[in-house]
Amino acid sequence: MFTGSLVAIVTPFRNGRVDERALGDLIEFQIVNGTDGIVPCGTTGESATLSHEEHDRVVAVTVETVRRRVPVIAGTGSNSTDEAITLTKHAKQAGADGALLITPYYNKPMQEGLFRHYKAVAESVDLPIVLYNIPGRTSVNMLPATVARLAAIRNIVAIKEGSGSLQQVSDLIQACGDRLTVLSGDDALTLPMMAVGAKGVITVTANIAPADMAALVDAFAAGKLAEAQRLHYKLSPLFNALFYETNPIPVKTALAMMGKIDGELRLPLSPMAAETREKLGHALKDYGLI
């Protein structure tokens, strides 16, 4: 259902408010450059510091701007199951095609708690659900056995897997088979993950290089391994540069350097240090983006 290069899009701010015009322009930039789906209100979209009103508005603006040209998968995760259900219900009402839900953070639930959390959301909202596992952000790793249990639920259709372990990805795909689509949650592992059965990526890098990220995924899917490898190595300096500091600090800084957004961040995220900002600028220049 959800495959290809799907962008985890930033939320542009100006003077403390969501910059809806800039968001619309970013979405058009993505679609014209071949991105296969838009994912608002994820980690890259600074969902943690959006008010509920802002969160709902960003999802609504994204759906309105996309106009069904590509799928919209709204970030609706929370460490409160009730809040996740509320956010997911709004995503459905707004017309999103699916919802991306991060594993509950800070609470550190056991595997049974993870299963019950996602089951409760899936049973409360008739919308395709994409699980999101990223232990480095949440301090909890959703294991393949738990994901396999969840894959039996009708509207749980995919997972964004960001554990960083190819062995876990392999075990996950082996456990779930065709019941669940696996998407990379780590841009640098997109090609290796697709080699063991993933069907695409939810990507940070596509914010600044959408055409090449889409081309990488498309090349592998078409059996053009050499072209996919070429694009992987071409993109590799960006994969590194966009994580010089905590995401989304570098990618928003990059978009500001490219003249696409103001670059404003919300505390507790702070502007890039001078040294890493300079290194990021060199990477963008070498790539031809500025």
Protein backbone atom coordinates (compact mmCIF):
# COMPACT_ATOMS: atom_id res chain seq x y z
CA MET A 1 0.00 0.00 0.00
CA PHE A 2 2.81 2.43 0.95
CA THR A 3 6.03 1.97 -0.99
CA GLY A 4 8.81 4.02 -2.58
CA SER A 5 10.44 7.18 -1.28
CA LEU A 6 8.18 8.88 1.25
CA VAL A 7 9.41 12.13 2.76
CA ALA A 8 9.32 12.80 6.50
CA ILE A 9 8.62 16.44 5.83
CA VAL A 10 9.76 19.30 8.06
CA THR A 11 7.33 21.75 9.63
CA PRO A 12 8.48 25.26 8.66
CA PHE A 13 8.01 28.01 11.24
CA ARG A 14 8.13 31.78 10.94
CA ASN A 15 7.95 34.03 13.99
CA GLY A 16 6.83 31.16 16.18
CA ARG A 17 3.96 30.04 13.95
CA VAL A 18 3.58 27.31 11.34
CA ASP A 19 4.46 28.80 7.94
CA GLU A 20 1.66 27.30 5.87
CA ARG A 21 2.77 28.91 2.62
CA ALA A 22 6.27 27.46 2.97
CA LEU A 23 4.81 24.06 3.85
CA GLY A 24 2.70 24.13 0.70
CA ASP A 25 5.73 25.04 -1.40
CA LEU A 26 7.75 22.20 0.14
CA ILE A 27 4.99 19.72 -0.67
CA GLU A 28 4.88 20.86 -4.31
CA PHE A 29 8.69 20.57 -4.47
CA GLN A 30 8.38 16.98 -3.29
CA ILE A 31 5.64 15.94 -5.69
CA VAL A 32 7.23 17.47 -8.78
CA ASN A 33 10.47 15.63 -7.95
CA GLY A 34 8.92 12.18 -7.74
CA THR A 35 8.37 11.63 -4.02
CA ASP A 36 5.89 8.79 -3.48
CA GLY A 37 4.26 10.03 -0.28
CA ILE A 38 4.24 12.84 2.29
CA VAL A 39 4.61 12.14 6.01
CA PRO A 40 3.81 15.23 8.13
CA CYS A 41 4.10 15.52 11.91
CA GLY A 42 6.81 12.95 12.44
CA THR A 43 10.04 13.45 14.36
CA THR A 44 11.41 15.47 11.43
CA GLY A 45 8.25 17.58 11.57
CA GLU A 46 8.94 18.48 15.24
CA SER A 47 5.72 16.83 16.34
CA ALA A 48 6.89 16.86 19.95
CA THR A 49 6.62 20.66 20.12
CA LEU A 50 3.49 21.18 18.03
CA SER A 51 0.33 22.04 19.93
CA HIS A 52 -2.65 19.79 19.24
CA GLU A 53 -4.18 22.60 17.19
CA GLU A 54 -1.00 23.01 15.15
CA HIS A 55 -0.64 19.27 14.68
CA ASP A 56 -4.18 18.98 13.33
CA ARG A 57 -3.67 22.00 11.07
CA VAL A 58 -0.41 20.69 9.58
CA VAL A 59 -2.10 17.39 8.72
CA ALA A 60 -5.10 19.20 7.22
CA VAL A 61 -2.95 21.58 5.15
CA THR A 62 -0.89 18.66 3.87
CA VAL A 63 -3.97 16.71 2.79
CA GLU A 64 -5.48 19.81 1.16
CA THR A 65 -2.28 20.63 -0.72
CA VAL A 66 -1.52 17.08 -1.88
CA ARG A 67 -5.02 16.62 -3.34
CA ARG A 68 -4.69 12.83 -3.57
CA ARG A 69 -1.70 13.01 -5.91
CA VAL A 70 0.34 10.86 -3.52
CA PRO A 71 -0.52 9.23 -0.18
CA VAL A 72 -0.39 11.27 3.02
CA ILE A 73 0.65 9.33 6.12
CA ALA A 74 0.12 11.52 9.16
CA GLY A 75 2.31 11.14 12.22
CA THR A 76 -0.11 10.44 15.08
CA GLY A 77 2.04 8.65 17.65
CA SER A 78 2.17 9.40 21.36
CA ASN A 79 3.33 7.80 24.58
CA SER A 80 -0.33 8.02 25.67
CA THR A 81 -2.55 5.49 23.93
CA ASP A 82 -5.62 7.68 24.35
CA GLU A 83 -3.83 10.66 22.81
CA ALA A 84 -2.59 8.51 19.90
CA ILE A 85 -6.18 7.42 19.25
CA THR A 86 -7.38 11.05 19.28
CA LEU A 87 -4.66 12.16 16.87
CA THR A 88 -5.30 9.19 14.57
CA LYS A 89 -9.04 9.89 14.52
CA HIS A 90 -8.30 13.44 13.40
CA ALA A 91 -5.99 12.19 10.66
CA LYS A 92 -8.79 10.02 9.31
CA GLN A 93 -11.29 12.90 9.49
CA ALA A 94 -8.82 15.18 7.68
CA GLY A 95 -8.54 12.70 4.82
CA ALA A 96 -5.10 11.21 5.43
CA ASP A 97 -4.39 7.89 3.72
CA GLY A 98 -2.66 6.40 6.73
CA ALA A 99 -1.10 7.10 10.10
CA LEU A 100 2.48 6.63 11.33
CA LEU A 101 2.74 5.81 15.03
CA ILE A 102 6.04 5.79 16.88
CA THR A 103 6.47 3.32 19.72
CA PRO A 104 5.57 4.95 23.05
CA TYR A 105 8.61 6.80 24.39
CA TYR A 106 9.69 7.42 28.00
CA ASN A 107 7.14 4.94 29.42
CA LYS A 108 9.35 2.04 28.22
CA PRO A 109 6.49 -0.47 27.81
CA MET A 110 7.12 -4.19 27.64
CA GLN A 111 6.46 -6.05 24.38
CA GLU A 112 2.93 -6.92 25.55
CA GLY A 113 2.29 -3.22 26.24
CA LEU A 114 3.45 -2.33 22.73
CA PHE A 115 1.14 -4.93 21.25
CA ARG A 116 -1.86 -3.70 23.26
CA HIS A 117 -1.08 -0.05 22.44
CA TYR A 118 -1.11 -0.57 18.68
CA LYS A 119 -4.02 -2.98 18.83
CA ALA A 120 -6.09 -0.38 20.69
CA VAL A 121 -5.34 2.31 18.10
CA ALA A 122 -5.99 0.01 15.15
CA GLU A 123 -9.30 -1.14 16.59
CA SER A 124 -10.40 2.43 17.40
CA VAL A 125 -9.69 3.99 13.99
CA ASP A 126 -10.34 2.33 10.63
CA LEU A 127 -7.25 3.76 8.94
CA PRO A 128 -4.12 2.02 7.62
CA ILE A 129 -1.50 2.05 10.36
CA VAL A 130 2.28 2.21 9.90
CA LEU A 131 4.25 1.14 12.95
CA TYR A 132 7.45 3.04 13.73
CA ASN A 133 10.33 1.43 15.60
CA ILE A 134 13.31 3.65 16.46
CA PRO A 135 14.94 2.56 19.73
CA GLY A 136 17.51 5.37 19.62
CA ARG A 137 14.70 7.89 20.11
CA THR A 138 12.37 5.93 22.36
CA SER A 139 14.53 3.58 24.48
CA VAL A 140 12.30 0.65 23.53
CA ASN A 141 12.89 -1.84 20.72
CA MET A 142 9.80 -3.49 19.23
CA LEU A 143 10.92 -7.01 18.42
CA PRO A 144 10.04 -8.95 15.25
CA ALA A 145 7.84 -11.38 17.20
CA THR A 146 5.71 -8.48 18.46
CA VAL A 147 5.48 -6.97 14.99
CA ALA A 148 4.41 -10.35 13.60
CA ARG A 149 1.54 -10.45 16.11
CA LEU A 150 0.48 -6.96 15.08
CA ALA A 151 0.69 -7.84 11.37
CA ALA A 152 -2.30 -10.12 11.88
CA ILE A 153 -4.47 -7.03 12.54
CA ARG A 154 -6.18 -6.03 9.30
CA ASN A 155 -5.35 -2.32 9.17
CA ILE A 156 -1.76 -2.57 10.41
CA VAL A 157 -0.10 -2.55 7.01
CA ALA A 158 3.54 -1.43 7.33
CA ILE A 159 6.44 -0.60 9.62
CA LYS A 160 9.09 2.08 9.48
CA GLU A 161 12.02 0.14 10.91
CA GLY A 162 14.79 2.26 12.39
CA SER A 163 16.61 -0.11 14.72
CA GLY A 164 19.75 0.13 12.58
CA SER A 165 20.11 -3.65 12.63
CA LEU A 166 19.98 -5.47 9.30
CA GLN A 167 19.66 -8.72 11.23
CA GLN A 168 16.51 -7.40 12.89
CA VAL A 169 15.19 -6.25 9.51
CA SER A 170 15.84 -9.70 8.06
CA ASP A 171 14.16 -11.40 11.03
CA LEU A 172 11.22 -9.01 10.72
CA ILE A 173 10.67 -9.71 7.04
CA GLN A 174 11.04 -13.44 7.59
CA ALA A 175 8.49 -13.33 10.44
CA CYS A 176 5.90 -11.21 8.63
CA GLY A 177 6.27 -12.21 5.00
CA ASP A 178 3.84 -10.44 2.70
CA ARG A 179 1.51 -9.43 5.54
CA LEU A 180 3.48 -6.26 6.29
CA THR A 181 5.42 -3.77 4.19
CA VAL A 182 8.80 -2.87 5.66
CA LEU A 183 10.14 0.65 5.05
CA SER A 184 13.58 1.87 6.02
CA GLY A 185 13.75 4.34 8.88
CA ASP A 186 17.42 5.06 8.21
CA ASP A 187 18.32 6.71 4.91
CA ALA A 188 21.81 5.21 4.80
CA LEU A 189 20.35 1.69 5.13
CA THR A 190 17.70 2.09 2.43
CA LEU A 191 19.59 0.11 -0.20
CA PRO A 192 20.78 -2.67 2.15
CA MET A 193 17.28 -2.99 3.61
CA MET A 194 15.71 -3.22 0.16
CA ALA A 195 18.21 -5.97 -0.64
CA VAL A 196 16.65 -8.11 2.12
CA GLY A 197 13.06 -7.23 1.24
CA ALA A 198 12.11 -3.69 2.32
CA LYS A 199 9.93 -1.77 -0.14
CA GLY A 200 11.17 1.77 0.32
CA VAL A 201 11.99 4.42 2.90
CA ILE A 202 10.47 7.19 4.98
CA THR A 203 13.30 9.62 4.47
CA VAL A 204 14.82 12.80 5.87
CA THR A 205 17.16 13.29 2.92
CA ALA A 206 14.31 13.64 0.43
CA ASN A 207 13.55 17.02 2.03
CA ILE A 208 16.56 18.40 0.14
CA ALA A 209 17.23 15.78 -2.58
CA PRO A 210 13.85 14.25 -3.43
CA ALA A 211 14.58 13.28 -7.02
CA ASP A 212 17.68 11.27 -6.17
CA MET A 213 16.05 9.49 -3.22
CA ALA A 214 13.10 8.52 -5.42
CA ALA A 215 15.45 7.43 -8.19
CA LEU A 216 17.45 5.22 -5.81
CA VAL A 217 14.35 3.35 -4.66
CA ASP A 218 12.93 3.13 -8.18
CA ALA A 219 16.21 1.83 -9.59
CA PHE A 220 16.41 -1.01 -7.10
CA ALA A 221 12.74 -1.89 -7.60
CA ALA A 222 13.38 -2.06 -11.37
CA GLY A 223 16.31 -4.41 -10.89
CA LYS A 224 18.88 -1.75 -11.81
CA LEU A 225 21.29 -2.55 -8.99
CA ALA A 226 24.30 -0.68 -10.40
CA GLU A 227 22.25 2.52 -10.73
CA ALA A 228 20.86 2.09 -7.21
CA GLN A 229 24.41 1.65 -5.90
CA ARG A 230 25.59 4.75 -7.77
CA LEU A 231 22.83 6.84 -6.24
CA HIS A 232 23.47 5.39 -2.78
CA TYR A 233 27.10 6.49 -2.92
CA LYS A 234 26.19 9.84 -4.44
CA LEU A 235 23.73 10.49 -1.60
CA SER A 236 25.98 9.12 1.13
CA PRO A 237 27.58 12.49 2.02
CA LEU A 238 24.09 13.92 2.58
CA PHE A 239 23.10 10.94 4.71
CA ASN A 240 26.02 11.83 6.96
CA ALA A 241 25.63 15.61 6.87
CA LEU A 242 21.95 15.57 7.85
CA PHE A 243 22.85 13.85 11.10
CA TYR A 244 25.82 15.99 12.16
CA GLU A 245 23.44 17.14 14.90
CA THR A 246 20.06 15.93 16.10
CA ASN A 247 17.43 15.64 13.37
CA PRO A 248 15.77 17.91 12.21
CA ILE A 249 18.32 20.62 13.05
CA PRO A 250 20.58 19.97 10.03
CA VAL A 251 17.81 19.40 7.48
CA LYS A 252 15.98 22.59 8.43
CA THR A 253 19.28 24.46 8.30
CA ALA A 254 19.94 22.95 4.86
CA LEU A 255 16.51 23.99 3.59
CA ALA A 256 17.15 27.52 4.87
CA MET A 257 20.50 27.58 3.05
CA MET A 258 18.63 26.51 -0.09
CA GLY A 259 16.20 29.41 0.37
CA LYS A 260 13.14 27.21 0.90
CA ILE A 261 12.24 27.95 4.54
CA ASP A 262 13.16 30.32 7.34
CA GLY A 263 15.01 27.56 9.25
CA GLU A 264 13.39 28.39 12.58
CA LEU A 265 13.48 25.65 15.21
CA ARG A 266 11.57 25.26 18.46
CA LEU A 267 13.25 24.87 21.81
CA PRO A 268 14.70 22.67 23.12
CA LEU A 269 16.20 22.31 19.61
CA SER A 270 18.84 24.98 19.04
CA PRO A 271 20.59 26.39 15.95
CA MET A 272 23.53 24.43 14.54
CA ALA A 273 26.96 25.09 15.99
CA ALA A 274 29.19 27.14 13.68
CA GLU A 275 31.56 24.24 12.99
CA THR A 276 28.88 21.73 11.97
CA ARG A 277 26.96 24.38 10.04
CA GLU A 278 30.08 25.06 7.98
CA LYS A 279 30.55 21.33 7.31
CA LEU A 280 26.90 21.07 6.27
CA GLY A 281 27.33 24.00 3.89
CA HIS A 282 30.31 22.32 2.24
CA ALA A 283 28.30 19.10 1.76
CA LEU A 284 25.44 21.01 0.14
CA LYS A 285 27.81 22.89 -2.15
CA ASP A 286 29.59 19.69 -3.17
CA TYR A 287 26.21 18.17 -4.02
CA GLY A 288 25.15 21.22 -6.04
CA LEU A 289 22.26 22.17 -3.79
CA ILE A 290 23.53 25.66 -2.98
